[in-house]
């Protein structure tokens, strides 16, 4: 799950600076989801809701308006809320996971959020693509997801460009 130092910094900045979804953004999200999926989506913390919304917008901006692909983008991280970790806890969890150190139950839940989220998605009859992407979005592409759809979703899961520029500045001055 954790990647490079730059990726971890981007993730930290995205969580730290995430703003609430506006009414219009929340309505857009709700328009793509069933009531059961919307309940799961809005149970996430502010940063994960913002990230899911950003991922869905990225999918739509790429020209893909397939409902299942948008739902997969919106819902892929819903399992993270079970870890109940704040910004510092998530950062610490990422480092512990990266280093292969012993993990608490909450940190294991954070590490395993894809599988946890997939189980939840299955319990509310989410599209198979959303379930598969939740499980695999930090792994290799499964056979069940075609390469084009996979690339669209993986690209959508990347941090927004604004934080990427800031990370480049931070990491270039640190070296």
Protein backbone atom coordinates (compact mmCIF):
# COMPACT_ATOMS: atom_id res chain seq x y z
CA UNK A 1 0.00 0.00 0.00
CA UNK A 2 2.55 2.71 0.91
CA UNK A 3 4.76 3.93 -1.87
CA UNK A 4 7.61 6.35 -2.19
CA UNK A 5 8.33 9.18 0.22
CA UNK A 6 6.86 11.61 -2.32
CA UNK A 7 3.65 9.55 -2.49
CA UNK A 8 3.39 9.53 1.32
CA UNK A 9 3.92 13.30 1.46
CA UNK A 10 1.24 13.85 -1.22
CA UNK A 11 -1.19 11.67 0.69
CA UNK A 12 -0.47 13.51 3.95
CA UNK A 13 -1.03 16.89 2.28
CA UNK A 14 -4.24 15.72 0.62
CA UNK A 15 -5.66 14.52 3.93
CA UNK A 16 -4.50 17.62 5.81
CA UNK A 17 -5.98 20.05 3.29
CA UNK A 18 -9.15 18.19 2.28
CA UNK A 19 -12.25 20.35 2.39
CA UNK A 20 -15.84 19.23 2.77
CA UNK A 21 -17.79 18.36 -0.35
CA UNK A 22 -20.11 21.18 -1.33
CA UNK A 23 -23.83 20.57 -1.67
CA UNK A 24 -23.46 20.34 -5.45
CA UNK A 25 -20.57 17.89 -5.15
CA UNK A 26 -22.52 15.73 -2.69
CA UNK A 27 -25.51 15.76 -5.02
CA UNK A 28 -23.26 14.70 -7.93
CA UNK A 29 -21.96 11.78 -5.87
CA UNK A 30 -25.46 10.76 -4.79
CA UNK A 31 -26.59 10.82 -8.42
CA UNK A 32 -24.18 8.00 -9.26
CA UNK A 33 -24.89 5.81 -6.22
CA UNK A 34 -27.73 3.71 -4.90
CA UNK A 35 -28.97 4.80 -1.46
CA UNK A 36 -27.02 1.93 0.16
CA UNK A 37 -23.79 2.89 -1.59
CA UNK A 38 -24.35 6.58 -0.79
CA UNK A 39 -24.73 5.70 2.89
CA UNK A 40 -21.35 3.94 2.82
CA UNK A 41 -19.73 6.76 0.85
CA UNK A 42 -20.92 9.49 3.22
CA UNK A 43 -19.84 7.44 6.29
CA UNK A 44 -16.21 8.09 5.23
CA UNK A 45 -14.18 10.93 6.67
CA UNK A 46 -13.91 14.24 4.84
CA UNK A 47 -10.58 13.41 3.17
CA UNK A 48 -11.75 10.04 1.83
CA UNK A 49 -15.00 11.55 0.53
CA UNK A 50 -12.96 14.29 -1.20
CA UNK A 51 -10.57 11.67 -2.65
CA UNK A 52 -13.42 9.51 -3.96
CA UNK A 53 -15.07 12.55 -5.51
CA UNK A 54 -11.78 13.59 -7.13
CA UNK A 55 -11.29 10.05 -8.48
CA UNK A 56 -14.80 10.02 -9.97
CA UNK A 57 -14.26 13.44 -11.59
CA UNK A 58 -10.99 12.17 -13.04
CA UNK A 59 -12.77 9.16 -14.56
CA UNK A 60 -15.49 11.37 -16.05
CA UNK A 61 -12.92 13.88 -17.36
CA UNK A 62 -11.16 11.02 -19.15
CA UNK A 63 -14.33 10.54 -21.18
CA UNK A 64 -15.58 7.46 -19.33
CA UNK A 65 -19.13 7.75 -18.06
CA UNK A 66 -19.77 4.06 -17.42
CA UNK A 67 -21.69 3.93 -14.13
CA UNK A 68 -19.71 0.94 -12.82
CA UNK A 69 -16.37 2.67 -13.45
CA UNK A 70 -17.50 5.86 -11.70
CA UNK A 71 -18.84 3.84 -8.75
CA UNK A 72 -15.52 1.96 -8.51
CA UNK A 73 -13.67 5.30 -8.39
CA UNK A 74 -16.01 6.70 -5.74
CA UNK A 75 -16.02 3.64 -3.48
CA UNK A 76 -12.54 2.06 -3.62
CA UNK A 77 -11.37 3.34 -0.20
CA UNK A 78 -14.52 2.91 1.90
CA UNK A 79 -12.83 0.28 4.07
CA UNK A 80 -10.38 2.85 5.51
CA UNK A 81 -12.92 4.21 7.97
CA UNK A 82 -12.82 0.99 9.98
CA UNK A 83 -9.25 1.73 11.03
CA UNK A 84 -10.42 4.91 12.78
CA UNK A 85 -7.07 6.62 12.18
CA UNK A 86 -6.53 10.35 11.88
CA UNK A 87 -3.90 12.02 9.77
CA UNK A 88 -1.01 11.22 12.13
CA UNK A 89 -2.22 7.65 12.64
CA UNK A 90 -2.44 7.09 8.88
CA UNK A 91 1.05 8.47 8.39
CA UNK A 92 2.43 6.27 11.15
CA UNK A 93 0.53 3.27 9.77
CA UNK A 94 2.04 3.82 6.32
CA UNK A 95 5.56 3.92 7.73
CA UNK A 96 5.02 0.80 9.90
CA UNK A 97 3.57 -1.09 6.94
CA UNK A 98 6.40 0.06 4.67
CA UNK A 99 9.00 -1.07 7.21
CA UNK A 100 7.28 -4.41 7.86
CA UNK A 101 7.01 -3.74 11.59
CA UNK A 102 4.39 -5.31 13.90
CA UNK A 103 0.91 -3.83 13.40
CA UNK A 104 -1.98 -3.13 15.74
CA UNK A 105 -5.50 -4.21 14.80
CA UNK A 106 -6.34 -0.69 13.63
CA UNK A 107 -3.25 -0.47 11.45
CA UNK A 108 -3.99 -3.91 9.99
CA UNK A 109 -7.49 -2.62 9.19
CA UNK A 110 -5.92 0.36 7.42
CA UNK A 111 -3.56 -1.93 5.49
CA UNK A 112 -6.43 -4.28 4.58
CA UNK A 113 -8.96 -1.55 3.77
CA UNK A 114 -9.44 -2.84 0.23
CA UNK A 115 -10.64 -6.26 1.32
CA UNK A 116 -12.75 -4.79 4.14
CA UNK A 117 -14.35 -2.33 1.73
CA UNK A 118 -14.95 -5.04 -0.86
CA UNK A 119 -16.87 -7.09 1.69
CA UNK A 120 -19.03 -4.08 2.46
CA UNK A 121 -19.59 -3.39 -1.20
CA UNK A 122 -20.62 -7.00 -1.74
CA UNK A 123 -23.12 -6.75 1.12
CA UNK A 124 -24.98 -3.95 -0.69
CA UNK A 125 -24.81 -5.50 -4.16
CA UNK A 126 -22.28 -3.07 -5.59
CA UNK A 127 -21.09 -3.67 -9.16
CA UNK A 128 -18.47 -6.40 -9.47
CA UNK A 129 -16.00 -3.84 -10.86
CA UNK A 130 -16.26 -1.73 -7.68
CA UNK A 131 -15.67 -4.79 -5.51
CA UNK A 132 -12.70 -5.96 -7.59
CA UNK A 133 -11.11 -2.51 -7.71
CA UNK A 134 -11.52 -2.05 -3.95
CA UNK A 135 -9.64 -5.31 -3.38
CA UNK A 136 -6.91 -4.79 -5.97
CA UNK A 137 -6.24 -1.05 -6.23
CA UNK A 138 -2.91 -1.43 -4.38
CA UNK A 139 -2.02 -4.67 -6.15
CA UNK A 140 -1.65 -6.03 -9.66
CA UNK A 141 -4.53 -5.81 -12.13
CA UNK A 142 -6.84 -8.82 -11.80
CA UNK A 143 -8.06 -10.64 -14.91
CA UNK A 144 -11.59 -9.43 -14.14
CA UNK A 145 -10.69 -5.79 -14.96
CA UNK A 146 -9.73 -4.99 -18.53
CA UNK A 147 -6.45 -3.07 -18.98
CA UNK A 148 -8.08 0.15 -20.23
CA UNK A 149 -10.50 0.36 -17.32
CA UNK A 150 -7.69 -0.50 -14.91
CA UNK A 151 -5.49 2.33 -16.24
CA UNK A 152 -8.39 4.78 -16.00
CA UNK A 153 -9.08 3.83 -12.37
CA UNK A 154 -5.42 3.73 -11.29
CA UNK A 155 -4.87 7.15 -12.86
CA UNK A 156 -7.97 8.47 -11.09
CA UNK A 157 -6.62 7.20 -7.74
CA UNK A 158 -3.60 9.52 -7.97
CA UNK A 159 -3.39 12.66 -5.81
CA UNK A 160 -4.51 15.94 -7.36
CA UNK A 161 -1.88 17.82 -9.35
CA UNK A 162 -1.75 20.75 -6.90
CA UNK A 163 -0.31 18.60 -4.13
CA UNK A 164 2.04 16.93 -6.62
CA UNK A 165 3.62 20.31 -7.44
CA UNK A 166 4.06 21.09 -3.74
CA UNK A 167 5.64 17.68 -3.10
CA UNK A 168 8.14 18.24 -5.92
CA UNK A 169 9.14 21.52 -4.28
CA UNK A 170 9.44 19.90 -0.83
CA UNK A 171 11.43 16.90 -2.02
CA UNK A 172 13.72 18.95 -4.28
CA UNK A 173 14.70 21.27 -1.40
CA UNK A 174 15.23 18.31 0.97
CA UNK A 175 17.90 16.76 -1.27
